[in-house]
Amino acid sequence: MPRKSATPSLADRNAAEGGVAAVDRALSVLNAFSASTPVLGLAEIASLTEMHKSTVLRLLASLEHAYLVHRQADGRYALGAGIARLHQIYAASFSLESVVMPALRELVAQTRESAAFHVRQGDRRLCLHRVDSPRPVRDHIRAGDLLPLNRGAGGRVLTAFSGAPGPVYARIRREQVAVLVGDRIPEIAGVAAPVFGPGGELMGALTLTMPADRFDAHYDKPVMRAARKLTAMLGGEYPAAMKE
């Protein structure tokens, strides 16, 4: 039997509750590959997953058998054709709404404020999806409304992560969140964080809005957690905080 490591691997520390350890470890191997590391050697995968090379080698054999990884002529590994097949199936069935709306509902349930997902559209931003606060007093933006890019937390985030210069946008890129009171309308406060897709593509801004007198600076934490979770669900990866 393979010896059990005294130090839990990355997969062991993040195992799915009620799941299968071997599957968690195999997925950990696949997750070691990224846009910046598309080809990896055995030792590199072992280091990234914090597993013994002998364990990684057995997992790679199973993944290669399923065409999920491919061993190159130089002995290093890359993702295999099976991944492309699964991606085609995923792309054909993917609905942004089916991923974003549950994230918005969860954020509203946590905060009892209004949550929305905004995307850039030319020189403005489009409220693509929205879940209203259950409270009677709230802002009344609707899905389909166009809003300014240079005002409001969502607009500021989209502008910042499109590379706009200036201290306001540099701070947003550094902190990865915008927390503003009265920026678009004096009576409204907002918190927004960026959402990224595969390859670091900026997908949109996750926003939470409320009347200014209900503003709570601590709302930045649930908004950032929700944006990171949504990024992961969209197959994206959050960038390291930018220092400018």
Foldseek 3Di string as FASTA:
>chain_A
DDDDDPDDWPLRVVPDVVDDSLVSLLVLLLVLDAPVRQKAALVSSCVSGVHDSVSSVVSVVVCVVQQQWDQDPVRIIGGGPNVVVVVVVCVVPDDLCVLPVVLQVVLCVVPLFKKFWWDDDVQWIFGQDIDHRPDPDHDDDHHGDIGGLQFAFFSLQNCLVVPDDDPSSLVCLQVQKDWAACRRHNQKTKIWGWAAAGPRHTPGIMMTMGGRVPDDPVSNVSRVVSRQVSNVVRHHHDDHRDDD
